[in-house]
Amino acid sequence: MNNIVTMKWLLARLYEPDLVIVDCRFALGKPESGRAAYEESHIPRAVYLDLEKDLSSPITQHGGRHPLPALDQLAQRLGQSGIQESSRVVIYDDQGGAMASRLWWLLKYIGHEQAYVMDEGFTAWKDASYPLTDEQPIVIPVPYEIKLKPDKLVLVDEVREASVQGTQTIIDSREPRRYAGVEEPLDTKAGHIPGAVNYFWKGVMDTSGHWKDAGALREHFTNIPQDAEIIVYCGSGVTACPNVLALEEAGYGNVKLYAGSWSDWISYEENPVATGEE
């Protein structure tokens, strides 16, 4: 596994100086709960980064429900957290890897080489009786220099073109009922981008909550050719990130995130909406 580390791996390296551990716990609809959970108990040395305050920018007319953060602010926030370009960053959450994968993707997007998501998550760490603390680490701020990888991101125009031309594989990462337009609890329109296929993001985990290994992930995505150009989206650009990570684990080399996702797509009145199964 290139992007996933086990709890035991982290436990064995907990105090290595180039390692930065990031707690990304966050509950949609309860924006303060992640920070509160962190302050109560976390993995020793972990810093906290908040999905909405640190890993997103404020909502505007377009860009979706979790627009990408401004790059200068992201660099500043990473530096304040003690993360520099050479750091090995291990990220965890308690949301099946969705929030952790968002930070993992952001780090890859800005050219950070050593970024990893911890398998399972905080509750599993706690249940294993691994060390916990409520003490917040003393962090010495460092500069962070971004080396942007723009080919990891697509904007709405490229998605429109892919939807019409069918030249790229578009993956919708939401639950099947939302994809089909049967229900839509969060956004103002129900359905999916025409031409998109549905791979619910939780399908990259096994029944016990572990990430599937590379072989199982290749099997999971077996209908998609390895050389396909792939665009991945979800509702707001967060739960698409586990699919991006899983596709990379499975050996796909051309995977891009449509960060604005469905909530950005429907902010343009002229964009078509499909319902039902493709």
Foldseek 3Di string as FASTA:
>chain_A
DQAEDEPVVCLVCVPPVLEEEEEEAADPPPQCVSVVVLLVKDRPRYDYDYQQPAQADDDDLFQAPGRGDDPVSNQQVCLQSQHELRGQYEYFYQPLCLRLLSVVLVCVQQPRDHHHYYANHDVVCVVVVRDMDSDHDDHDGDGYDGDGDVLQADEPVVVLVCLVVVQAAEEEQDDPCQQQQVDDPDAPGGHFAHRYAYDHLSVQADPVSGGDALVVLCVSPVVDDLAGQYEYAYRAQRSSSSVQVSNVRNRRDHYHYHRRHPRNQVSDVPGDGHHHHD
